[in-house]
Protein backbone atom coordinates (compact mmCIF):
# COMPACT_ATOMS: atom_id res chain seq x y z
CA UNK A 1 90.10 274.76 72.87
CA UNK A 2 93.89 274.04 71.96
CA UNK A 3 96.04 276.60 70.29
CA UNK A 4 96.80 274.27 67.37
CA UNK A 5 93.10 273.81 66.87
CA UNK A 6 92.65 277.49 67.17
CA UNK A 7 95.16 278.25 64.47
CA UNK A 8 93.60 275.83 62.09
CA UNK A 9 90.43 277.54 62.58
CA UNK A 10 92.14 280.84 61.84
CA UNK A 11 94.04 279.74 58.89
CA UNK A 12 90.83 278.30 57.32
CA UNK A 13 89.14 281.64 57.78
CA UNK A 14 91.75 283.71 56.53
CA UNK A 15 92.71 284.33 52.69
CA UNK A 16 94.62 281.41 51.06
CA UNK A 17 97.40 283.47 49.94
CA UNK A 18 98.14 284.87 53.33
CA UNK A 19 97.96 281.31 54.80
CA UNK A 20 100.30 279.86 52.24
CA UNK A 21 102.59 283.03 52.74
CA UNK A 22 102.85 282.29 56.37
CA UNK A 23 103.64 278.50 55.98
CA UNK A 24 106.32 279.42 53.41
CA UNK A 25 107.88 281.92 55.60
CA UNK A 26 107.93 279.47 58.45
CA UNK A 27 109.56 276.64 56.58
CA UNK A 28 111.60 278.65 54.25
CA UNK A 29 110.58 276.58 51.13
CA UNK A 30 107.53 276.14 48.55
CA UNK A 31 108.11 272.55 48.30
CA UNK A 32 108.10 272.00 52.17
CA UNK A 33 104.94 274.40 52.51
CA UNK A 34 103.22 272.38 49.83
CA UNK A 35 103.67 269.15 51.73
CA UNK A 36 102.43 270.63 55.02
CA UNK A 37 99.56 272.35 53.22
CA UNK A 38 98.65 269.17 51.09
CA UNK A 39 98.63 271.62 48.13
CA UNK A 40 100.50 271.36 44.87
CA UNK A 41 103.67 273.38 44.74
CA UNK A 42 102.66 275.20 41.81
CA UNK A 43 99.38 276.22 43.60
CA UNK A 44 101.48 277.49 46.46
CA UNK A 45 103.91 279.31 44.11
CA UNK A 46 101.03 281.20 42.25
CA UNK A 47 99.57 282.41 45.60
CA UNK A 48 102.95 283.88 46.54
CA UNK A 49 103.35 285.46 43.24
CA UNK A 50 99.99 286.86 43.28
CA UNK A 51 100.59 288.17 46.69
CA UNK A 52 103.77 289.83 45.75
CA UNK A 53 102.33 291.32 42.59
CA UNK A 54 99.16 292.56 44.52
CA UNK A 55 101.16 294.31 47.07
CA UNK A 56 103.69 295.62 44.29
CA UNK A 57 106.67 294.57 46.77
CA UNK A 58 109.08 291.43 47.08
CA UNK A 59 108.30 289.42 50.08
CA UNK A 60 110.87 286.83 49.84
CA UNK A 61 114.80 286.75 48.70
CA UNK A 62 115.83 283.61 46.90
CA UNK A 63 118.81 282.23 48.57
CA UNK A 64 119.67 279.10 46.64
CA UNK A 65 116.96 276.64 47.01
CA UNK A 66 115.91 278.60 50.32
CA UNK A 67 113.31 281.56 50.65
CA UNK A 68 114.43 284.16 53.16
CA UNK A 69 111.99 286.96 54.11
CA UNK A 70 112.59 290.33 52.93
CA UNK A 71 111.89 293.31 55.25
CA UNK A 72 108.46 293.81 53.64
CA UNK A 73 107.95 290.07 54.26
CA UNK A 74 108.83 290.50 57.94
CA UNK A 75 106.30 292.98 58.24
CA UNK A 76 103.49 291.24 56.45
CA UNK A 77 104.32 288.05 58.74
CA UNK A 78 104.04 290.00 61.81
CA UNK A 79 100.60 291.27 60.73
CA UNK A 80 99.53 287.62 59.95
CA UNK A 81 100.61 286.42 63.27
CA UNK A 82 98.74 289.16 64.99
CA UNK A 83 95.69 288.31 62.81
CA UNK A 84 96.01 284.69 63.85
CA UNK A 85 96.16 285.40 67.45
CA UNK A 86 92.99 287.68 67.22
CA UNK A 87 91.37 284.73 65.49
CA UNK A 88 92.32 282.52 68.43
CA UNK A 89 90.82 285.01 70.97
CA UNK A 90 87.71 285.25 68.82
CA UNK A 91 87.33 281.32 68.62
CA UNK A 92 87.98 281.23 72.29
CA UNK A 93 84.89 283.55 73.07
CA UNK A 94 82.85 281.57 70.65
CA UNK A 95 83.61 278.35 72.29
CA UNK A 96 82.67 279.98 75.57
CA UNK A 97 79.21 281.30 74.20
CA UNK A 98 78.85 277.64 72.76
CA UNK A 99 79.58 276.36 76.47
CA UNK A 100 76.74 278.66 77.67
CA UNK A 101 74.24 276.55 75.82
CA UNK A 102 74.87 273.72 77.99
CA UNK A 103 75.73 275.28 81.54
CA UNK A 104 74.09 275.07 84.99
CA UNK A 105 73.43 277.70 87.49
CA UNK A 106 72.37 276.86 91.00
CA UNK A 107 70.73 279.52 93.10
CA UNK A 108 69.79 279.72 96.91
CA UNK A 109 67.51 282.71 97.61
CA UNK A 110 65.14 283.87 100.34
CA UNK A 111 61.53 283.90 99.65
CA UNK A 112 60.91 287.60 99.01
CA UNK A 113 63.32 287.39 96.28
CA UNK A 114 61.66 284.22 94.74
CA UNK A 115 58.36 286.02 94.62
CA UNK A 116 58.86 288.60 91.94
CA UNK A 117 62.51 289.91 91.27
CA UNK A 118 63.89 286.41 90.87
CA UNK A 119 61.50 285.19 88.24
CA UNK A 120 62.17 288.27 86.30
CA UNK A 121 65.92 287.81 86.47
CA UNK A 122 65.73 284.06 85.52
CA UNK A 123 63.35 284.66 82.71
CA UNK A 124 65.31 287.42 81.09
CA UNK A 125 68.55 285.30 81.63
CA UNK A 126 67.03 282.31 79.79
CA UNK A 127 65.74 284.40 76.90
CA UNK A 128 69.53 284.87 76.20
CA UNK A 129 70.65 281.55 77.10
CA UNK A 130 67.76 279.14 76.84
CA UNK A 131 69.88 276.08 77.18
CA UNK A 132 71.29 276.73 80.54
CA UNK A 133 69.80 274.64 83.55
CA UNK A 134 68.77 276.83 86.41
CA UNK A 135 68.36 275.30 89.81
CA UNK A 136 66.69 277.37 92.43
CA UNK A 137 66.38 276.58 96.30
CA UNK A 138 64.09 278.87 98.37
CA UNK A 139 65.12 279.05 101.90
CA UNK A 140 65.87 281.48 104.85
CA UNK A 141 68.54 284.04 104.65
CA UNK A 142 71.01 282.03 107.02
CA UNK A 143 70.63 278.85 104.91
CA UNK A 144 70.93 280.70 101.74
CA UNK A 145 74.19 281.91 102.66
CA UNK A 146 75.31 278.56 104.06
CA UNK A 147 74.61 276.79 100.69
CA UNK A 148 76.81 279.29 98.91
CA UNK A 149 79.46 278.95 101.53
CA UNK A 150 79.33 275.08 101.09
CA UNK A 151 79.54 275.18 97.52
CA UNK A 152 75.89 273.84 96.94
CA UNK A 153 74.87 276.79 95.14
CA UNK A 154 76.84 279.31 93.07
CA UNK A 155 74.83 282.52 93.79
CA UNK A 156 72.87 283.47 96.85
CA UNK A 157 70.26 286.24 97.42
CA UNK A 158 70.00 286.83 101.11
CA UNK A 159 69.41 289.55 103.69
CA UNK A 160 72.19 290.54 106.07
CA UNK A 161 74.59 287.74 105.32
CA UNK A 162 77.16 286.57 107.79
CA UNK A 163 80.56 288.26 107.76
CA UNK A 164 82.84 285.25 106.91
CA UNK A 165 86.05 284.96 104.80
CA UNK A 166 84.39 282.19 102.71
CA UNK A 167 81.67 284.70 101.59
CA UNK A 168 81.89 287.71 99.28
CA UNK A 169 79.13 290.10 99.16
CA UNK A 170 79.39 291.08 95.51
CA UNK A 171 76.47 293.38 95.51
CA UNK A 172 73.94 294.78 98.03
CA UNK A 173 71.15 297.29 98.42
CA UNK A 174 69.81 298.51 101.74
CA UNK A 175 65.81 298.38 102.27
CA UNK A 176 63.58 299.42 105.35
CA UNK A 177 61.59 297.03 107.11
CA UNK A 178 57.79 298.33 107.18
CA UNK A 179 54.66 297.45 108.67
CA UNK A 180 52.13 295.60 106.00
CA UNK A 181 48.44 295.96 106.76
CA UNK A 182 45.24 296.03 104.95
CA UNK A 183 43.91 299.36 103.81
CA UNK A 184 40.95 299.65 106.45
CA UNK A 185 43.53 298.80 109.38
CA UNK A 186 43.25 301.31 112.30
CA UNK A 187 46.75 302.40 111.59
CA UNK A 188 46.60 302.49 107.64
CA UNK A 189 46.10 306.07 107.61
CA UNK A 190 48.50 306.95 110.31
CA UNK A 191 52.12 308.55 109.66
CA UNK A 192 55.42 308.38 111.68
CA UNK A 193 54.57 305.01 113.00
CA UNK A 194 56.90 302.73 115.14
CA UNK A 195 56.90 299.33 116.22
CA UNK A 196 55.54 300.28 119.65
CA UNK A 197 52.46 301.65 117.64
CA UNK A 198 52.06 298.09 116.21
CA UNK A 199 52.38 295.90 119.19
CA UNK A 200 48.88 297.37 120.25
CA UNK A 201 47.43 295.20 117.45
CA UNK A 202 47.56 291.54 116.66
CA UNK A 203 50.91 290.71 114.60
CA UNK A 204 52.25 288.14 112.27
CA UNK A 205 55.79 287.74 112.86
CA UNK A 206 58.51 286.06 110.90
CA UNK A 207 59.99 282.88 112.22
CA UNK A 208 63.43 282.86 113.81
CA UNK A 209 66.06 282.00 111.14
CA UNK A 210 64.68 284.78 108.91
CA UNK A 211 66.80 287.92 108.88
CA UNK A 212 63.63 290.09 109.45
CA UNK A 213 63.23 288.59 112.84
CA UNK A 214 66.56 289.30 113.81
CA UNK A 215 65.79 293.08 113.42
CA UNK A 216 62.35 292.85 114.67
CA UNK A 217 63.58 291.23 117.94
CA UNK A 218 66.29 294.09 118.35
CA UNK A 219 63.36 296.67 118.20
CA UNK A 220 61.08 294.74 120.34
CA UNK A 221 63.77 294.61 122.95
CA UNK A 222 63.31 298.51 123.38
CA UNK A 223 59.59 298.39 123.87
CA UNK A 224 58.28 297.62 127.54
CA UNK A 225 55.25 295.56 128.26
CA UNK A 226 53.88 292.29 126.68
CA UNK A 227 53.80 291.37 122.93
CA UNK A 228 50.52 290.51 121.59
CA UNK A 229 51.63 288.18 118.92
CA UNK A 230 48.95 286.54 116.66
CA UNK A 231 50.96 284.10 114.79
CA UNK A 232 54.49 283.19 113.82
CA UNK A 233 55.53 281.86 110.39
CA UNK A 234 58.45 281.25 108.14
CA UNK A 235 56.52 282.18 105.09
CA UNK A 236 56.21 285.86 104.06
CA UNK A 237 53.44 285.05 101.67
CA UNK A 238 51.49 283.17 104.33
CA UNK A 239 51.93 286.44 106.65
CA UNK A 240 50.81 288.66 103.92
CA UNK A 241 47.77 286.54 103.53
CA UNK A 242 46.92 286.91 107.13
CA UNK A 243 47.37 290.87 106.84
CA UNK A 244 44.96 290.97 104.02
CA UNK A 245 42.28 288.66 105.47
CA UNK A 246 42.61 288.91 109.35
CA UNK A 247 43.56 292.40 109.71
CA UNK A 248 46.70 291.77 111.56
CA UNK A 249 50.15 293.50 111.02
CA UNK A 250 52.84 291.90 109.05
CA UNK A 251 56.51 292.92 108.59
CA UNK A 252 58.67 292.92 105.42
CA UNK A 253 60.56 294.93 103.11
CA UNK A 254 59.17 296.15 99.74
CA UNK A 255 60.47 293.27 97.90
CA UNK A 256 57.95 290.45 97.38
CA UNK A 257 54.86 292.49 98.19
CA UNK A 258 54.82 294.68 95.12
CA UNK A 259 51.56 293.01 93.73
CA UNK A 260 49.71 293.58 96.89
CA UNK A 261 50.66 297.04 97.13
CA UNK A 262 50.15 297.77 93.64
CA UNK A 263 46.54 296.34 93.87
CA UNK A 264 45.79 298.19 97.04
CA UNK A 265 45.17 294.97 98.91
CA UNK A 266 47.86 296.03 101.16
CA UNK A 267 49.52 299.19 102.40
CA UNK A 268 53.24 299.67 103.63
CA UNK A 269 54.13 301.97 106.52
CA UNK A 270 57.63 302.84 107.05
CA UNK A 271 58.80 302.45 110.71
CA UNK A 272 60.86 304.84 112.57
CA UNK A 273 62.60 302.18 114.80
CA UNK A 274 66.42 302.25 113.82
CA UNK A 275 66.94 298.50 114.07
CA UNK A 276 64.37 298.22 111.21
CA UNK A 277 66.22 300.60 108.77
CA UNK A 278 68.58 299.18 106.12
CA UNK A 279 67.85 295.55 105.96
CA UNK A 280 70.68 294.65 103.49
CA UNK A 281 69.66 292.49 100.29
CA UNK A 282 72.87 290.98 99.23
CA UNK A 283 74.10 288.85 96.27
CA UNK A 284 76.63 286.52 97.79
CA UNK A 285 79.13 284.19 95.94
CA UNK A 286 81.88 281.90 97.44
CA UNK A 287 85.34 283.61 97.87
CA UNK A 288 86.97 280.34 97.71
CA UNK A 289 85.84 279.35 94.13
CA UNK A 290 85.59 281.37 90.88
CA UNK A 291 82.42 281.19 89.21
CA UNK A 292 82.20 279.17 86.21
CA UNK A 293 81.18 280.69 82.89
CA UNK A 294 77.19 280.12 83.21
CA UNK A 295 76.94 281.19 86.82
CA UNK A 296 79.32 284.18 86.17
CA UNK A 297 77.05 285.38 83.42
CA UNK A 298 74.02 284.92 85.32
CA UNK A 299 75.66 286.87 88.41
CA UNK A 300 76.55 289.77 86.07
CA UNK A 301 72.88 289.74 84.55
CA UNK A 302 71.64 289.79 87.97
CA UNK A 303 73.64 292.78 89.19
CA UNK A 304 72.99 294.87 86.29
CA UNK A 305 69.07 294.04 86.54
CA UNK A 306 68.83 294.59 90.19
CA UNK A 307 70.80 297.99 90.07
CA UNK A 308 68.25 299.07 87.59
CA UNK A 309 65.22 297.76 89.35
CA UNK A 310 65.78 298.17 93.14
CA UNK A 311 65.90 301.92 93.20
CA UNK A 312 62.49 301.93 91.44
CA UNK A 313 61.03 299.67 93.90
CA UNK A 314 62.40 301.52 96.94
CA UNK A 315 60.98 304.82 95.68
């Protein structure tokens, strides 16, 4: 919105006497003001006289055919200018909200976020801004970060993003990786488990490219002997299904498996291995481009919501 357009809106919203006063003060003439306002000179003059009477003070000094602001007029003109400036700022904010009705947000996310948390984020965001187009790409952690870095996504939800100057980790929350298993699994009642306890049973391992696999491989490297892998997959939902139905052990953070845990179909067992501690869920944005209005509003909404929900889930 141009400043001239903003001033027009401000003057239309403000009292006519103040509007006429400001134009007369600027031009120094009732006649000139009437031409600019396209209002009869008599109407402009009546408004100025009414204003002086209402304030019980003289606003102009008459010097020949010109009008010069008196001291009180200078004070009032400064107030009017501040008011117009405030209106400009208000109109800019209203235009920004108008823009939110037509914006677009592109999101790259890991699967676990797409299971439960991201739908909550998008749904609550769209209740406020139903006209915003939201595009979501579900992928692995490395690709989610790459899409943001390449400018193909505005906001990314990923685990352990790469350290690079082109990415900004705008928010993060550390979560442990645990073992998921059916309630009747032999280890379901055990406490103080480690990965070495789990490898004695069939496992469902995340595929390479998932951040979970990097940490699991680091923990596996510390365990002697052969690994009894049952299956390897790039879908956390698929691995949870195996853990429910085939009595194998899967590995995941608490994000995405809330429904299985709440229903009692699976149990989550913390593991003592250091590489499996503090898997870092991060919201990433590009450090090379400022977020546009709609993505910026979604980002703020996501941070506020996750700060509220993640500690509850982790507990």
